[in-house]
Protein backbone atom coordinates (compact mmCIF):
# COMPACT_ATOMS: atom_id res chain seq x y z
CA UNK A 1 63.49 -29.74 78.59
CA UNK A 2 60.50 -31.58 80.00
CA UNK A 3 61.34 -35.14 81.15
CA UNK A 4 60.03 -37.96 79.02
CA UNK A 5 56.88 -39.51 80.45
CA UNK A 6 54.10 -41.87 79.51
CA UNK A 7 51.24 -40.67 77.33
CA UNK A 8 48.33 -39.51 79.47
CA UNK A 9 45.69 -39.13 76.75
CA UNK A 10 45.05 -40.35 73.21
CA UNK A 11 46.59 -37.26 71.60
CA UNK A 12 49.88 -38.01 73.35
CA UNK A 13 49.39 -41.73 72.75
CA UNK A 14 49.33 -41.13 69.00
CA UNK A 15 52.63 -39.23 68.98
CA UNK A 16 54.64 -41.05 71.63
CA UNK A 17 54.91 -44.54 70.10
CA UNK A 18 56.12 -43.98 66.53
CA UNK A 19 57.01 -46.84 64.18
CA UNK A 20 59.59 -44.67 62.40
CA UNK A 21 61.44 -43.71 65.59
CA UNK A 22 63.59 -46.48 67.07
CA UNK A 23 64.55 -46.04 70.70
CA UNK A 24 67.98 -44.58 71.42
CA UNK A 25 69.60 -42.34 73.98
CA UNK A 26 67.19 -40.98 76.59
CA UNK A 27 64.24 -42.61 74.81
CA UNK A 28 65.91 -46.01 75.12
CA UNK A 29 66.51 -45.54 78.82
CA UNK A 30 62.92 -44.39 79.46
CA UNK A 31 60.78 -46.58 77.22
CA UNK A 32 62.70 -49.81 76.53
CA UNK A 33 60.90 -53.05 77.40
CA UNK A 34 62.93 -56.22 77.91
CA UNK A 35 62.53 -58.93 75.27
CA UNK A 36 62.33 -62.66 76.01
CA UNK A 37 65.86 -64.06 76.08
CA UNK A 38 65.47 -66.20 72.97
CA UNK A 39 64.58 -63.08 70.96
CA UNK A 40 67.11 -60.75 72.58
CA UNK A 41 70.70 -59.71 71.85
CA UNK A 42 72.02 -61.46 74.99
CA UNK A 43 73.99 -64.11 73.11
CA UNK A 44 75.51 -61.60 70.69
CA UNK A 45 76.45 -59.33 73.58
CA UNK A 46 78.19 -62.24 75.30
CA UNK A 47 80.07 -63.17 72.11
CA UNK A 48 81.28 -59.62 71.54
CA UNK A 49 82.24 -59.23 75.20
CA UNK A 50 84.16 -62.51 75.45
CA UNK A 51 85.84 -62.35 72.01
CA UNK A 52 89.18 -60.53 72.34
CA UNK A 53 89.41 -59.67 68.63
CA UNK A 54 89.97 -56.05 67.61
CA UNK A 55 88.64 -56.40 64.06
CA UNK A 56 85.97 -59.13 63.90
CA UNK A 57 82.97 -58.56 61.64
CA UNK A 58 79.35 -59.58 62.32
CA UNK A 59 76.39 -60.01 59.99
CA UNK A 60 73.14 -59.04 61.77
CA UNK A 61 69.63 -59.67 60.44
CA UNK A 62 65.99 -60.06 61.37
CA UNK A 63 62.56 -59.20 60.02
CA UNK A 64 61.91 -55.59 59.10
CA UNK A 65 60.11 -53.99 62.03
CA UNK A 66 61.34 -56.56 64.55
CA UNK A 67 63.27 -54.00 66.61
CA UNK A 68 66.77 -54.40 65.15
CA UNK A 69 67.72 -50.72 65.30
CA UNK A 70 66.61 -50.41 68.93
CA UNK A 71 68.49 -53.59 69.87
CA UNK A 72 71.64 -52.37 68.11
CA UNK A 73 71.41 -49.05 69.96
CA UNK A 74 71.08 -51.00 73.20
CA UNK A 75 74.05 -53.19 72.23
CA UNK A 76 76.13 -50.07 71.63
CA UNK A 77 75.21 -48.67 75.05
CA UNK A 78 76.08 -51.95 76.75
CA UNK A 79 79.54 -51.96 75.13
CA UNK A 80 80.44 -48.28 75.32
CA UNK A 81 82.52 -48.71 78.50
CA UNK A 82 84.95 -50.93 76.58
CA UNK A 83 84.44 -49.64 73.03
CA UNK A 84 84.32 -46.43 71.05
CA UNK A 85 80.95 -47.00 69.35
CA UNK A 86 80.26 -45.44 65.94
CA UNK A 87 76.71 -45.65 64.57
CA UNK A 88 76.37 -45.46 60.77
CA UNK A 89 72.80 -44.99 59.54
CA UNK A 90 73.10 -46.32 55.98
CA UNK A 91 69.49 -45.43 55.20
CA UNK A 92 70.19 -41.77 55.89
CA UNK A 93 73.62 -41.65 54.27
CA UNK A 94 73.21 -43.75 51.13
CA UNK A 95 70.69 -44.29 48.36
CA UNK A 96 69.57 -47.82 49.22
CA UNK A 97 68.47 -48.40 45.64
CA UNK A 98 72.07 -48.06 44.49
CA UNK A 99 74.74 -49.15 46.98
CA UNK A 100 78.28 -50.29 46.30
CA UNK A 101 81.02 -51.35 48.72
CA UNK A 102 82.99 -48.21 47.84
CA UNK A 103 80.01 -45.97 48.73
CA UNK A 104 79.71 -47.70 52.07
CA UNK A 105 83.38 -47.32 52.91
CA UNK A 106 83.27 -43.61 52.02
CA UNK A 107 80.43 -42.83 54.45
CA UNK A 108 81.85 -45.18 57.09
CA UNK A 109 85.11 -43.24 56.99
CA UNK A 110 83.31 -39.93 57.39
CA UNK A 111 81.38 -41.14 60.42
CA UNK A 112 84.52 -42.55 62.03
CA UNK A 113 86.29 -39.22 61.46
CA UNK A 114 83.40 -37.36 63.13
CA UNK A 115 83.23 -39.68 66.15
CA UNK A 116 87.02 -39.71 66.54
CA UNK A 117 86.99 -35.92 66.82
CA UNK A 118 84.10 -36.02 69.31
CA UNK A 119 85.62 -38.76 71.45
CA UNK A 120 87.61 -36.39 73.65
CA UNK A 121 90.73 -38.48 73.04
CA UNK A 122 93.86 -36.52 72.14
CA UNK A 123 94.53 -38.07 68.75
CA UNK A 124 97.39 -37.61 66.34
CA UNK A 125 96.29 -34.59 64.31
CA UNK A 126 98.40 -35.75 61.38
CA UNK A 127 96.32 -38.92 61.09
CA UNK A 128 93.08 -36.96 61.19
CA UNK A 129 94.43 -34.57 58.57
CA UNK A 130 95.59 -37.43 56.36
CA UNK A 131 92.09 -38.91 56.28
CA UNK A 132 90.47 -35.53 55.69
CA UNK A 133 92.97 -34.82 52.90
CA UNK A 134 91.82 -37.97 51.09
CA UNK A 135 88.22 -36.77 51.11
CA UNK A 136 89.23 -33.25 50.13
CA UNK A 137 91.23 -34.36 47.10
CA UNK A 138 89.29 -37.43 45.99
CA UNK A 139 85.63 -37.00 46.88
CA UNK A 140 84.50 -33.46 47.64
CA UNK A 141 83.68 -31.06 44.84
CA UNK A 142 85.21 -27.61 44.52
CA UNK A 143 82.61 -25.78 46.59
CA UNK A 144 82.77 -28.40 49.33
CA UNK A 145 86.58 -28.26 49.36
CA UNK A 146 86.41 -24.51 49.84
CA UNK A 147 84.13 -24.95 52.82
CA UNK A 148 86.49 -27.53 54.30
CA UNK A 149 89.44 -25.16 54.00
CA UNK A 150 87.57 -22.43 55.89
CA UNK A 151 85.88 -24.55 58.55
CA UNK A 152 87.33 -25.58 61.88
CA UNK A 153 85.99 -27.60 64.78
CA UNK A 154 82.35 -28.68 64.80
CA UNK A 155 81.48 -26.86 61.56
CA UNK A 156 83.05 -29.73 59.62
CA UNK A 157 80.02 -31.81 60.62
CA UNK A 158 77.77 -29.47 58.62
CA UNK A 159 79.96 -29.91 55.53
CA UNK A 160 79.84 -33.69 55.93
CA UNK A 161 76.07 -33.62 56.44
CA UNK A 162 75.54 -31.66 53.23
CA UNK A 163 77.76 -34.09 51.34
CA UNK A 164 75.76 -37.06 52.68
CA UNK A 165 72.48 -35.47 51.56
CA UNK A 166 73.91 -34.95 48.08
CA UNK A 167 75.19 -38.52 47.93
CA UNK A 168 71.68 -39.75 48.82
CA UNK A 169 69.59 -37.48 46.63
CA UNK A 170 71.72 -36.12 43.78
CA UNK A 171 71.59 -37.42 40.21
CA UNK A 172 73.31 -40.79 39.68
CA UNK A 173 76.32 -39.13 38.03
CA UNK A 174 77.49 -37.81 41.44
CA UNK A 175 77.32 -41.22 43.05
CA UNK A 176 79.06 -42.76 40.04
CA UNK A 177 81.87 -40.19 40.20
CA UNK A 178 82.34 -40.68 43.95
CA UNK A 179 82.26 -44.45 43.47
CA UNK A 180 84.79 -44.42 40.65
CA UNK A 181 87.20 -42.24 42.63
CA UNK A 182 86.80 -44.36 45.75
CA UNK A 183 87.31 -47.63 43.90
CA UNK A 184 90.43 -46.29 42.20
CA UNK A 185 91.96 -45.12 45.49
CA UNK A 186 90.42 -47.56 47.97
CA UNK A 187 93.70 -48.92 49.33
CA UNK A 188 94.80 -45.35 50.15
CA UNK A 189 91.53 -44.68 52.01
CA UNK A 190 91.86 -47.92 53.97
CA UNK A 191 95.45 -47.17 54.91
CA UNK A 192 94.54 -43.76 56.32
CA UNK A 193 91.37 -45.05 58.00
CA UNK A 194 93.19 -47.96 59.63
CA UNK A 195 95.92 -45.63 60.89
CA UNK A 196 93.20 -43.61 62.62
CA UNK A 197 91.62 -46.77 64.11
CA UNK A 198 94.99 -47.82 65.54
CA UNK A 199 95.62 -44.38 67.03
CA UNK A 200 92.10 -44.19 68.50
CA UNK A 201 92.44 -47.58 70.19
CA UNK A 202 95.95 -46.89 71.48
CA UNK A 203 95.04 -43.49 72.94
CA UNK A 204 91.59 -44.41 74.31
CA UNK A 205 92.34 -47.90 75.60
CA UNK A 206 89.06 -49.06 74.03
CA UNK A 207 88.32 -51.09 70.93
CA UNK A 208 86.29 -49.49 68.14
CA UNK A 209 82.89 -50.91 67.21
CA UNK A 210 81.16 -49.59 64.09
CA UNK A 211 77.47 -50.48 63.74
CA UNK A 212 76.24 -50.12 60.16
CA UNK A 213 72.44 -50.15 60.35
CA UNK A 214 69.86 -49.85 57.55
CA UNK A 215 71.46 -52.07 54.90
CA UNK A 216 68.71 -54.65 55.48
CA UNK A 217 66.39 -52.20 53.70
CA UNK A 218 68.27 -52.37 50.40
CA UNK A 219 65.76 -52.79 47.57
CA UNK A 220 67.73 -54.81 45.02
CA UNK A 221 68.66 -58.30 46.20
CA UNK A 222 71.28 -58.62 43.44
CA UNK A 223 73.01 -55.56 44.91
CA UNK A 224 72.84 -57.17 48.35
CA UNK A 225 74.59 -60.23 46.92
CA UNK A 226 77.23 -58.11 45.19
CA UNK A 227 77.87 -56.05 48.32
CA UNK A 228 78.37 -58.97 50.70
CA UNK A 229 79.87 -61.50 48.27
CA UNK A 230 81.92 -59.60 45.71
CA UNK A 231 82.57 -56.76 48.17
CA UNK A 232 83.32 -58.95 51.19
CA UNK A 233 87.08 -58.38 51.15
CA UNK A 234 86.58 -54.61 51.31
CA UNK A 235 83.96 -54.84 54.08
CA UNK A 236 86.37 -56.98 56.10
CA UNK A 237 89.35 -54.65 55.58
CA UNK A 238 88.79 -51.88 58.19
CA UNK A 239 90.80 -52.74 61.31
CA UNK A 240 87.98 -52.38 63.79
CA UNK A 241 84.94 -54.37 64.88
CA UNK A 242 81.94 -53.89 62.58
CA UNK A 243 78.34 -55.08 62.64
CA UNK A 244 76.61 -54.98 59.24
CA UNK A 245 72.85 -55.43 58.96
CA UNK A 246 71.63 -57.52 56.03
CA UNK A 247 68.17 -58.41 54.66
CA UNK A 248 66.68 -61.58 56.14
CA UNK A 249 66.09 -62.86 52.59
CA UNK A 250 69.87 -63.17 52.13
CA UNK A 251 69.88 -65.89 54.78
CA UNK A 252 67.64 -67.97 52.52
CA UNK A 253 69.81 -67.89 49.41
CA UNK A 254 72.68 -70.07 48.24
CA UNK A 255 74.84 -66.95 48.41
CA UNK A 256 74.62 -66.90 52.18
CA UNK A 257 76.96 -69.89 52.45
CA UNK A 258 79.64 -67.71 50.83
CA UNK A 259 78.80 -64.77 53.10
CA UNK A 260 78.90 -66.97 56.20
CA UNK A 261 82.34 -68.29 55.27
CA UNK A 262 83.66 -64.75 54.71
CA UNK A 263 82.29 -63.10 57.86
CA UNK A 264 83.33 -64.54 61.23
CA UNK A 265 79.95 -64.18 62.94
CA UNK A 266 76.28 -64.03 61.98
CA UNK A 267 73.34 -63.27 64.25
CA UNK A 268 69.61 -63.31 63.52
CA UNK A 269 67.36 -61.39 65.89
CA UNK A 270 64.39 -63.69 66.42
CA UNK A 271 60.84 -62.36 66.35
CA UNK A 272 59.00 -62.21 69.64
CA UNK A 273 56.59 -65.12 69.64
CA UNK A 274 52.90 -64.63 70.38
CA UNK A 275 52.16 -68.33 69.82
CA UNK A 276 54.18 -71.51 70.01
CA UNK A 277 54.79 -73.81 67.07
CA UNK A 278 51.69 -75.85 68.00
CA UNK A 279 49.48 -72.74 68.07
CA UNK A 280 49.21 -72.43 71.84
CA UNK A 281 49.72 -68.94 73.32
CA UNK A 282 53.28 -67.90 74.16
CA UNK A 283 52.70 -66.11 77.44
CA UNK A 284 56.24 -64.77 77.81
CA UNK A 285 56.16 -63.18 74.36
CA UNK A 286 52.70 -61.70 74.87
CA UNK A 287 53.67 -60.20 78.21
CA UNK A 288 56.78 -58.64 76.63
CA UNK A 289 54.70 -57.02 73.88
CA UNK A 290 52.13 -55.75 76.38
CA UNK A 291 55.01 -54.22 78.33
CA UNK A 292 56.03 -52.28 75.20
CA UNK A 293 52.64 -50.56 75.41
CA UNK A 294 52.68 -50.25 79.20
CA UNK A 295 56.09 -48.52 79.13
CA UNK A 296 54.70 -45.75 76.93
CA UNK A 297 51.02 -45.41 77.84
CA UNK A 298 49.27 -44.67 81.10
CA UNK A 299 46.82 -47.38 82.24
CA UNK A 300 43.30 -47.13 80.88
CA UNK A 301 44.01 -45.68 77.43
CA UNK A 302 43.56 -49.15 75.89
CA UNK A 303 41.05 -51.62 77.23
CA UNK A 304 42.69 -54.92 78.24
CA UNK A 305 40.89 -56.68 75.38
CA UNK A 306 42.13 -54.12 72.84
CA UNK A 307 45.73 -54.43 74.05
CA UNK A 308 45.55 -58.23 73.88
CA UNK A 309 44.15 -58.05 70.36
CA UNK A 310 46.96 -55.74 69.27
CA UNK A 311 49.49 -58.27 70.53
CA UNK A 312 47.79 -61.10 68.66
CA UNK A 313 47.60 -59.17 65.40
CA UNK A 314 51.15 -57.79 65.30
CA UNK A 315 52.75 -61.22 64.93
CA UNK A 316 55.56 -60.18 67.28
CA UNK A 317 56.73 -57.29 65.08
CA UNK A 318 57.23 -54.19 67.23
CA UNK A 319 56.78 -51.79 64.32
CA UNK A 320 53.49 -53.49 63.48
CA UNK A 321 52.35 -53.33 67.11
CA UNK A 322 53.02 -49.60 67.28
CA UNK A 323 51.59 -48.86 63.84
CA UNK A 324 48.33 -50.68 64.60
CA UNK A 325 48.13 -48.99 68.01
CA UNK A 326 48.47 -45.51 66.47
CA UNK A 327 45.80 -46.19 63.84
CA UNK A 328 43.46 -47.53 66.53
CA UNK A 329 44.09 -44.41 68.65
CA UNK A 330 42.97 -42.14 65.79
CA UNK A 331 39.67 -43.95 65.48
CA UNK A 332 39.10 -44.19 69.23
CA UNK A 333 39.65 -40.48 69.78
CA UNK A 334 36.84 -39.62 67.39
CA UNK A 335 34.48 -42.06 69.10
CA UNK A 336 35.45 -41.88 72.78
CA UNK A 337 37.32 -38.59 73.27
CA UNK A 338 40.85 -37.93 74.45
CA UNK A 339 40.73 -40.34 77.39
CA UNK A 340 39.47 -43.27 75.35
CA UNK A 341 39.75 -46.07 75.97
CA UNK A 342 40.63 -47.78 72.71
CA UNK A 343 38.33 -50.77 72.25
CA UNK A 344 38.81 -53.98 70.20
CA UNK A 345 36.63 -52.64 67.37
CA UNK A 346 39.10 -49.82 66.73
CA UNK A 347 41.97 -52.30 66.69
CA UNK A 348 40.11 -54.47 64.16
CA UNK A 349 39.53 -51.43 61.93
CA UNK A 350 43.25 -50.64 62.05
CA UNK A 351 44.03 -54.26 61.14
CA UNK A 352 41.59 -54.06 58.22
CA UNK A 353 43.46 -51.08 56.81
CA UNK A 354 46.77 -52.93 57.05
CA UNK A 355 45.16 -56.05 55.58
CA UNK A 356 44.09 -54.06 52.54
CA UNK A 357 47.72 -53.20 51.78
CA UNK A 358 48.46 -56.92 51.62
CA UNK A 359 45.32 -57.52 49.56
CA UNK A 360 46.58 -55.03 46.98
CA UNK A 361 50.17 -56.29 46.94
CA UNK A 362 50.10 -60.08 47.08
CA UNK A 363 50.42 -61.93 43.77
CA UNK A 364 48.52 -65.10 42.91
CA UNK A 365 51.67 -67.17 43.24
CA UNK A 366 52.30 -65.69 46.68
CA UNK A 367 48.70 -66.41 47.73
CA UNK A 368 49.07 -70.05 46.74
CA UNK A 369 52.32 -70.47 48.67
CA UNK A 370 50.80 -68.81 51.73
CA UNK A 371 47.80 -71.14 51.51
CA UNK A 372 50.08 -74.18 51.37
CA UNK A 373 51.99 -73.04 54.44
CA UNK A 374 48.80 -72.00 56.25
CA UNK A 375 47.53 -75.55 55.89
CA UNK A 376 50.58 -77.14 57.48
CA UNK A 377 52.94 -77.34 54.52
CA UNK A 378 56.66 -77.26 55.27
CA UNK A 379 58.70 -74.19 54.52
CA UNK A 380 60.53 -74.64 51.22
CA UNK A 381 63.18 -72.11 50.33
CA UNK A 382 62.27 -70.48 47.01
CA UNK A 383 62.09 -67.10 45.33
CA UNK A 384 58.41 -66.82 46.30
CA UNK A 385 59.16 -67.75 49.93
CA UNK A 386 61.85 -65.07 50.08
CA UNK A 387 59.39 -62.52 48.68
CA UNK A 388 56.91 -63.45 51.41
CA UNK A 389 59.54 -63.03 54.12
CA UNK A 390 60.53 -59.68 52.68
CA UNK A 391 56.97 -58.30 52.52
CA UNK A 392 56.25 -59.72 56.01
CA UNK A 393 53.24 -61.80 55.00
CA UNK A 394 55.30 -64.78 56.20
CA UNK A 395 57.09 -64.55 59.56
CA UNK A 396 59.95 -66.64 60.89
CA UNK A 397 60.28 -67.66 64.53
CA UNK A 398 62.85 -69.56 66.57
CA UNK A 399 62.17 -71.88 69.43
CA UNK A 400 65.27 -74.04 69.20
CA UNK A 401 64.27 -75.00 65.66
CA UNK A 402 63.10 -72.38 63.18
CA UNK A 403 59.46 -72.36 62.09
CA UNK A 404 57.30 -70.11 59.94
CA UNK A 405 53.75 -68.76 60.17
CA UNK A 406 51.49 -66.57 58.07
CA UNK A 407 51.16 -63.04 59.47
CA UNK A 408 47.97 -62.87 61.62
CA UNK A 409 46.67 -59.88 59.63
CA UNK A 410 47.02 -61.84 56.36
CA UNK A 411 45.24 -65.02 57.48
CA UNK A 412 41.69 -63.67 56.87
CA UNK A 413 42.66 -63.05 53.23
CA UNK A 414 43.33 -66.76 52.89
CA UNK A 415 40.10 -67.69 54.64
CA UNK A 416 38.19 -65.51 52.18
CA UNK A 417 39.44 -67.75 49.37
CA UNK A 418 39.21 -71.07 51.22
CA UNK A 419 36.66 -72.60 48.83
CA UNK A 420 38.64 -71.48 45.79
CA UNK A 421 41.94 -72.85 47.08
CA UNK A 422 40.31 -76.09 48.27
CA UNK A 423 39.03 -76.77 44.74
CA UNK A 424 42.49 -76.20 43.29
CA UNK A 425 43.93 -78.73 45.76
């Protein structure tokens, strides 16, 4: 396999940085760029390293596109010498439009079973069989049970993968049946799962850390509330360390006080700042974002002015930075050929395309709240404000004291209506 390397032309530059591909494994080692400390996982890493607990739970949040999945992968790598790390991709294993605490525990148990078998630790086969028996008798359908009976070794992973696809895509009746069975026999599942956790820790000499990523993308905020409020006792029950991602909007609801009291630790990954609260440039943040590009692209593919403009427009969101860069690359290749370079005009055209998605999606009430904040108004927690945080037209930053700013791509939409809004004021 050819070693990973920087993109050397615009064709490679389009494919190498992908907004839908967080860095992990070899990609993380090759292309990761350090974040400023105030927007890094350093403090969370210290807490998890210094805390001697075997079963503490952490709530983890941040803006969509801020780099949470990459940072969680990095956190897992930093802790793997002292922990058995299990990554659970909720987005790939669950239907995020319909999630219940029982669904989550079912897929969490499957992933733990898989990783326990892969760990190389000589585990008590009876405990593995007990957990598998629960799935065979309670969750899997007849055809899946038959496959389980005939499969040994790694082939079980294929059976589990097919089940996960069905749980994500099948008609609601399948999810409802799985959910009903799991809820009725949840204590039995937890007993068998916790017995496996205890055996894994005793035999490996390492604690177990489960990272449940993707829950911050849940569509229905009422389901988010039910999962982390009504379902808190179940989410706290597995006897291992777990990090659960949650939508940033949950932090700005009255329900979060209940969540914070239930879960021992919460951590918000701060956006990388491109400007300070007073509007002056944040040089450290800008340099970090430029390094994201420099780690993946050979010099000269973007003009310095185009790279700087990308940094200004992304608002500190890594997914936005990469998405705008890819769109600009497409335009530049047509105009300048495979060696580029991408110029500021191509970046502005990419920003215009993104701006049009906001133009089509923002409601009048959201426009008015953005205008108020754009003109120096204080952030006031409300349903509209939470909508703006969720759709990324409003971004939150932390510099010792939290502050909020309108997304740079959205600001021209407000300027277009300056006269209209000024009359209303």
